[in-house]
C-alpha atoms as a PDB file:
ATOM      1  CA  MET A   1     -26.131 -80.165 -74.835  1.00  0.00           C
ATOM      2  CA  THR A   2     -22.985 -78.327 -73.826  1.00  0.00           C
ATOM      3  CA  GLN A   3     -19.592 -79.932 -73.668  1.00  0.00           C
ATOM      4  CA  PRO A   4     -18.494 -81.086 -70.203  1.00  0.00           C
ATOM      5  CA  ILE A   5     -15.757 -79.620 -68.046  1.00  0.00           C
ATOM      6  CA  LEU A   6     -12.827 -81.921 -67.286  1.00  0.00           C
ATOM      7  CA  VAL A   7     -11.523 -82.024 -63.719  1.00  0.00           C
ATOM      8  CA  ALA A   8      -8.213 -83.870 -64.006  1.00  0.00           C
ATOM      9  CA  TYR A   9      -6.008 -84.775 -61.065  1.00  0.00           C
ATOM     10  CA  ALA A  10      -2.503 -86.104 -60.410  1.00  0.00           C
ATOM     11  CA  THR A  11      -2.062 -87.856 -57.080  1.00  0.00           C
ATOM     12  CA  LYS A  12       0.004 -90.459 -55.261  1.00  0.00           C
ATOM     13  CA  ARG A  13      -2.182 -91.138 -52.257  1.00  0.00           C
ATOM     14  CA  GLU A  14      -5.668 -89.981 -53.334  1.00  0.00           C
ATOM     15  CA  SER A  15      -6.010 -86.710 -51.381  1.00  0.00           C
ATOM     16  CA  THR A  16      -5.774 -84.670 -54.597  1.00  0.00           C
ATOM     17  CA  HIS A  17      -8.389 -86.953 -56.152  1.00  0.00           C
ATOM     18  CA  GLU A  18     -10.665 -86.207 -53.167  1.00  0.00           C
ATOM     19  CA  VAL A  19     -10.262 -82.462 -53.758  1.00  0.00           C
ATOM     20  CA  ALA A  20     -10.891 -82.889 -57.496  1.00  0.00           C
ATOM     21  CA  ALA A  21     -14.073 -84.814 -56.680  1.00  0.00           C
ATOM     22  CA  ALA A  22     -15.218 -82.029 -54.328  1.00  0.00           C
ATOM     23  CA  VAL A  23     -14.579 -79.383 -57.009  1.00  0.00           C
ATOM     24  CA  ALA A  24     -16.494 -81.461 -59.545  1.00  0.00           C
ATOM     25  CA  ALA A  25     -19.392 -82.007 -57.140  1.00  0.00           C
ATOM     26  CA  ARG A  26     -19.720 -78.266 -56.564  1.00  0.00           C
ATOM     27  CA  LEU A  27     -19.550 -77.524 -60.303  1.00  0.00           C
ATOM     28  CA  ARG A  28     -22.270 -80.131 -60.905  1.00  0.00           C
ATOM     29  CA  ALA A  29     -24.436 -78.687 -58.133  1.00  0.00           C
ATOM     30  CA  LEU A  30     -24.213 -75.353 -59.936  1.00  0.00           C
ATOM     31  CA  GLY A  31     -25.412 -76.823 -63.223  1.00  0.00           C
ATOM     32  CA  HIS A  32     -22.263 -77.888 -65.075  1.00  0.00           C
ATOM     33  CA  ASP A  33     -21.655 -81.244 -66.743  1.00  0.00           C
ATOM     34  CA  VAL A  34     -18.333 -82.536 -65.343  1.00  0.00           C
ATOM     35  CA  ASP A  35     -16.010 -85.515 -65.866  1.00  0.00           C
ATOM     36  CA  VAL A  36     -13.409 -86.378 -63.204  1.00  0.00           C
ATOM     37  CA  ARG A  37     -10.401 -88.335 -64.486  1.00  0.00           C
ATOM     38  CA  SER A  38      -6.807 -89.053 -63.681  1.00  0.00           C
ATOM     39  CA  ALA A  39      -4.529 -86.675 -65.619  1.00  0.00           C
ATOM     40  CA  GLY A  40      -2.438 -89.595 -66.845  1.00  0.00           C
ATOM     41  CA  GLU A  41      -5.343 -91.262 -68.647  1.00  0.00           C
ATOM     42  CA  ILE A  42      -6.526 -88.333 -70.790  1.00  0.00           C
ATOM     43  CA  GLY A  43      -5.963 -88.880 -74.505  1.00  0.00           C
ATOM     44  CA  THR A  44      -7.567 -85.736 -75.902  1.00  0.00           C
ATOM     45  CA  LEU A  45      -9.311 -82.633 -74.644  1.00  0.00           C
ATOM     46  CA  GLU A  46     -11.545 -82.459 -77.708  1.00  0.00           C
ATOM     47  CA  PRO A  47     -14.759 -83.361 -75.835  1.00  0.00           C
ATOM     48  CA  TYR A  48     -14.208 -80.685 -73.176  1.00  0.00           C
ATOM     49  CA  ARG A  49     -15.002 -76.978 -73.059  1.00  0.00           C
ATOM     50  CA  ALA A  50     -12.760 -76.257 -70.043  1.00  0.00           C
ATOM     51  CA  VAL A  51     -10.247 -77.965 -67.761  1.00  0.00           C
ATOM     52  CA  VAL A  52      -9.516 -77.882 -64.057  1.00  0.00           C
ATOM     53  CA  LEU A  53      -6.157 -79.527 -63.335  1.00  0.00           C
ATOM     54  CA  GLY A  54      -4.974 -80.401 -59.855  1.00  0.00           C
ATOM     55  CA  GLY A  55      -1.787 -81.966 -58.618  1.00  0.00           C
ATOM     56  CA  ALA A  56       0.061 -82.415 -55.381  1.00  0.00           C
ATOM     57  CA  LEU A  57       3.391 -80.802 -54.639  1.00  0.00           C
ATOM     58  CA  TYR A  58       6.085 -83.239 -53.509  1.00  0.00           C
ATOM     59  CA  ALA A  59       9.523 -82.068 -52.391  1.00  0.00           C
ATOM     60  CA  GLY A  60       9.138 -78.789 -54.251  1.00  0.00           C
ATOM     61  CA  ARG A  61       7.849 -80.264 -57.513  1.00  0.00           C
ATOM     62  CA  TRP A  62       4.347 -80.505 -58.911  1.00  0.00           C
ATOM     63  CA  HIS A  63       3.216 -84.081 -59.564  1.00  0.00           C
ATOM     64  CA  ARG A  64       4.791 -85.518 -62.718  1.00  0.00           C
ATOM     65  CA  ASP A  65       1.410 -86.465 -64.249  1.00  0.00           C
ATOM     66  CA  ALA A  66       0.192 -82.857 -63.923  1.00  0.00           C
ATOM     67  CA  ARG A  67       3.348 -81.545 -65.613  1.00  0.00           C
ATOM     68  CA  ARG A  68       3.046 -84.148 -68.382  1.00  0.00           C
ATOM     69  CA  PHE A  69      -0.632 -83.279 -68.872  1.00  0.00           C
ATOM     70  CA  LEU A  70       0.277 -79.643 -69.567  1.00  0.00           C
ATOM     71  CA  ALA A  71       3.041 -80.589 -71.990  1.00  0.00           C
ATOM     72  CA  LYS A  72       0.941 -83.203 -73.808  1.00  0.00           C
ATOM     73  CA  HIS A  73      -2.103 -80.956 -74.233  1.00  0.00           C
ATOM     74  CA  ARG A  74      -0.269 -77.655 -74.794  1.00  0.00           C
ATOM     75  CA  ASP A  75      -1.979 -76.869 -78.114  1.00  0.00           C
ATOM     76  CA  GLU A  76      -5.477 -77.791 -76.919  1.00  0.00           C
ATOM     77  CA  LEU A  77      -5.053 -75.774 -73.712  1.00  0.00           C
ATOM     78  CA  ALA A  78      -4.246 -72.683 -75.761  1.00  0.00           C
ATOM     79  CA  ARG A  79      -7.868 -72.800 -77.026  1.00  0.00           C
ATOM     80  CA  ILE A  80      -9.899 -73.613 -73.918  1.00  0.00           C
ATOM     81  CA  PRO A  81      -9.955 -72.166 -70.404  1.00  0.00           C
ATOM     82  CA  ILE A  82      -7.951 -73.881 -67.698  1.00  0.00           C
ATOM     83  CA  ALA A  83      -7.884 -73.459 -63.936  1.00  0.00           C
ATOM     84  CA  VAL A  84      -5.153 -75.023 -61.827  1.00  0.00           C
ATOM     85  CA  PHE A  85      -4.754 -76.068 -58.222  1.00  0.00           C
ATOM     86  CA  ALA A  86      -1.973 -77.608 -56.196  1.00  0.00           C
ATOM     87  CA  MET A  87      -1.949 -79.193 -52.803  1.00  0.00           C
ATOM     88  CA  GLY A  88       1.082 -78.826 -50.656  1.00  0.00           C
ATOM     89  CA  PRO A  89       1.459 -76.921 -47.447  1.00  0.00           C
ATOM     90  CA  LEU A  90       0.721 -78.804 -44.254  1.00  0.00           C
ATOM     91  CA  LYS A  91      -0.053 -75.516 -42.534  1.00  0.00           C
ATOM     92  CA  LEU A  92      -2.001 -72.680 -44.078  1.00  0.00           C
ATOM     93  CA  GLU A  93       0.329 -70.003 -42.747  1.00  0.00           C
ATOM     94  CA  PRO A  94       0.945 -67.301 -45.372  1.00  0.00           C
ATOM     95  CA  LYS A  95       4.639 -68.187 -45.733  1.00  0.00           C
ATOM     96  CA  ASP A  96       3.795 -71.850 -46.344  1.00  0.00           C
ATOM     97  CA  VAL A  97       1.099 -71.050 -48.906  1.00  0.00           C
ATOM     98  CA  GLU A  98       3.425 -68.550 -50.636  1.00  0.00           C
ATOM     99  CA  GLY A  99       6.177 -71.171 -50.819  1.00  0.00           C
ATOM    100  CA  SER A 100       3.823 -73.673 -52.420  1.00  0.00           C
ATOM    101  CA  ARG A 101       2.584 -71.011 -54.837  1.00  0.00           C
ATOM    102  CA  ARG A 102       6.169 -70.311 -55.919  1.00  0.00           C
ATOM    103  CA  GLN A 103       6.685 -74.036 -56.562  1.00  0.00           C
ATOM    104  CA  LEU A 104       3.502 -74.222 -58.640  1.00  0.00           C
ATOM    105  CA  ASP A 105       4.343 -71.019 -60.531  1.00  0.00           C
ATOM    106  CA  HIS A 106       7.741 -72.519 -61.374  1.00  0.00           C
ATOM    107  CA  ALA A 107       6.054 -75.597 -62.880  1.00  0.00           C
ATOM    108  CA  LEU A 108       3.521 -73.493 -64.802  1.00  0.00           C
ATOM    109  CA  ALA A 109       6.219 -71.165 -66.162  1.00  0.00           C
ATOM    110  CA  LYS A 110       7.665 -74.058 -68.167  1.00  0.00           C
ATOM    111  CA  GLU A 111       4.540 -73.955 -70.349  1.00  0.00           C
ATOM    112  CA  ARG A 112       5.085 -70.474 -71.756  1.00  0.00           C
ATOM    113  CA  ASP A 113       1.755 -70.039 -73.540  1.00  0.00           C
ATOM    114  CA  LEU A 114      -0.346 -71.298 -70.640  1.00  0.00           C
ATOM    115  CA  GLU A 115      -2.512 -68.654 -68.990  1.00  0.00           C
ATOM    116  CA  PRO A 116      -4.719 -70.208 -66.306  1.00  0.00           C
ATOM    117  CA  MET A 117      -7.917 -68.299 -65.580  1.00  0.00           C
ATOM    118  CA  SER A 118      -7.481 -69.144 -61.892  1.00  0.00           C
ATOM    119  CA  VAL A 119      -4.782 -70.710 -59.711  1.00  0.00           C
ATOM    120  CA  ALA A 120      -5.285 -71.985 -56.165  1.00  0.00           C
ATOM    121  CA  ILE A 121      -3.180 -73.546 -53.432  1.00  0.00           C
ATOM    122  CA  PHE A 122      -4.848 -75.908 -50.980  1.00  0.00           C
ATOM    123  CA  GLY A 123      -3.452 -77.579 -47.910  1.00  0.00           C
ATOM    124  CA  GLY A 124      -1.911 -81.002 -48.167  1.00  0.00           C
ATOM    125  CA  VAL A 125      -2.313 -84.268 -46.323  1.00  0.00           C
ATOM    126  CA  ILE A 126       0.139 -86.534 -44.519  1.00  0.00           C
ATOM    127  CA  ASP A 127      -1.070 -89.999 -43.595  1.00  0.00           C
ATOM    128  CA  PRO A 128       1.914 -91.768 -41.998  1.00  0.00           C
ATOM    129  CA  ALA A 129       0.219 -95.157 -42.437  1.00  0.00           C
ATOM    130  CA  LYS A 130       0.607 -94.755 -46.213  1.00  0.00           C
ATOM    131  CA  LEU A 131       4.289 -93.802 -46.084  1.00  0.00           C
ATOM    132  CA  ARG A 132       7.551 -95.725 -45.819  1.00  0.00           C
ATOM    133  CA  PHE A 133      10.263 -95.268 -43.246  1.00  0.00           C
ATOM    134  CA  PRO A 134      11.380 -92.651 -42.254  1.00  0.00           C
ATOM    135  CA  LEU A 135       8.404 -90.616 -43.522  1.00  0.00           C
ATOM    136  CA  ASN A 136       5.989 -92.881 -41.675  1.00  0.00           C
ATOM    137  CA  ARG A 137       7.286 -91.284 -38.473  1.00  0.00           C
ATOM    138  CA  MET A 138       5.811 -87.912 -39.476  1.00  0.00           C
ATOM    139  CA  GLU A 139       2.842 -86.522 -37.627  1.00  0.00           C
ATOM    140  CA  ALA A 140      -0.505 -86.967 -39.379  1.00  0.00           C
ATOM    141  CA  ALA A 141      -1.893 -83.775 -40.910  1.00  0.00           C
ATOM    142  CA  ASP A 142      -4.771 -82.689 -43.116  1.00  0.00           C
ATOM    143  CA  ALA A 143      -4.647 -78.992 -44.003  1.00  0.00           C
ATOM    144  CA  ARG A 144      -7.405 -79.078 -46.616  1.00  0.00           C
ATOM    145  CA  ASP A 145      -9.877 -76.234 -46.114  1.00  0.00           C
ATOM    146  CA  TRP A 146     -13.068 -77.651 -47.609  1.00  0.00           C
ATOM    147  CA  ASP A 147     -14.870 -74.300 -47.421  1.00  0.00           C
ATOM    148  CA  ALA A 148     -12.079 -72.661 -49.458  1.00  0.00           C
ATOM    149  CA  ILE A 149     -12.162 -75.530 -51.957  1.00  0.00           C
ATOM    150  CA  ARG A 150     -15.938 -75.210 -52.433  1.00  0.00           C
ATOM    151  CA  SER A 151     -15.651 -71.419 -52.673  1.00  0.00           C
ATOM    152  CA  TRP A 152     -13.005 -71.703 -55.392  1.00  0.00           C
ATOM    153  CA  ALA A 153     -15.224 -74.168 -57.288  1.00  0.00           C
ATOM    154  CA  GLU A 154     -18.128 -71.691 -57.053  1.00  0.00           C
ATOM    155  CA  GLU A 155     -15.914 -68.942 -58.474  1.00  0.00           C
ATOM    156  CA  LEU A 156     -14.968 -71.248 -61.355  1.00  0.00           C
ATOM    157  CA  ALA A 157     -18.603 -72.188 -61.958  1.00  0.00           C
ATOM    158  CA  GLY A 158     -19.469 -68.539 -62.429  1.00  0.00           C
ATOM    159  CA  ARG A 159     -16.582 -67.943 -64.793  1.00  0.00           C
ATOM    160  CA  PHE A 160     -17.361 -71.063 -66.846  1.00  0.00           C
ATOM    161  CA  ALA A 161     -21.044 -70.060 -67.060  1.00  0.00           C
ATOM    162  CA  ALA A 162     -20.121 -66.551 -68.216  1.00  0.00           C
ATOM    163  CA  ARG A 163     -17.845 -67.949 -70.938  1.00  0.00           C
ATOM    164  CA  ALA A 164     -20.530 -70.381 -72.112  1.00  0.00           C
ATOM    165  CA  ALA A 165     -23.071 -67.542 -72.350  1.00  0.00           C
ATOM    166  CA  ALA A 166     -20.713 -65.281 -74.340  1.00  0.00           C
END
């Protein structure tokens, strides 16, 4: 039996967890064994053959648990493949996606030896009912593109399969 793939997520209000679950579901549908866990609860990466790490962008910074995950597992991540995603822009206009990508790249650059095999930016979610004043006055938005999320997971599935066969 092959080692599973870890899909770890860092979230405040569960939308990143929902994306992580969708990525994991697609990987499973394509034949991979997958665990989905909160990034903050991972003690070791020893049982895993690859990692997908997702975190939301808040006010220009990647979620603290995602950043801590990279720092904590730096040595292990040098030996196994990692793919990374962030959720952020509330509109999928190129300038918004590029801005979120710059924010994620800034966070990833702090881990000098980290070389993700794939990096993706997905749209974010605003649910005013879950926010405090004055943010609860914002307009509701959900910019997640589920087709793009599934497509990215399919790309990863192929890459993980190729590595396992090598």
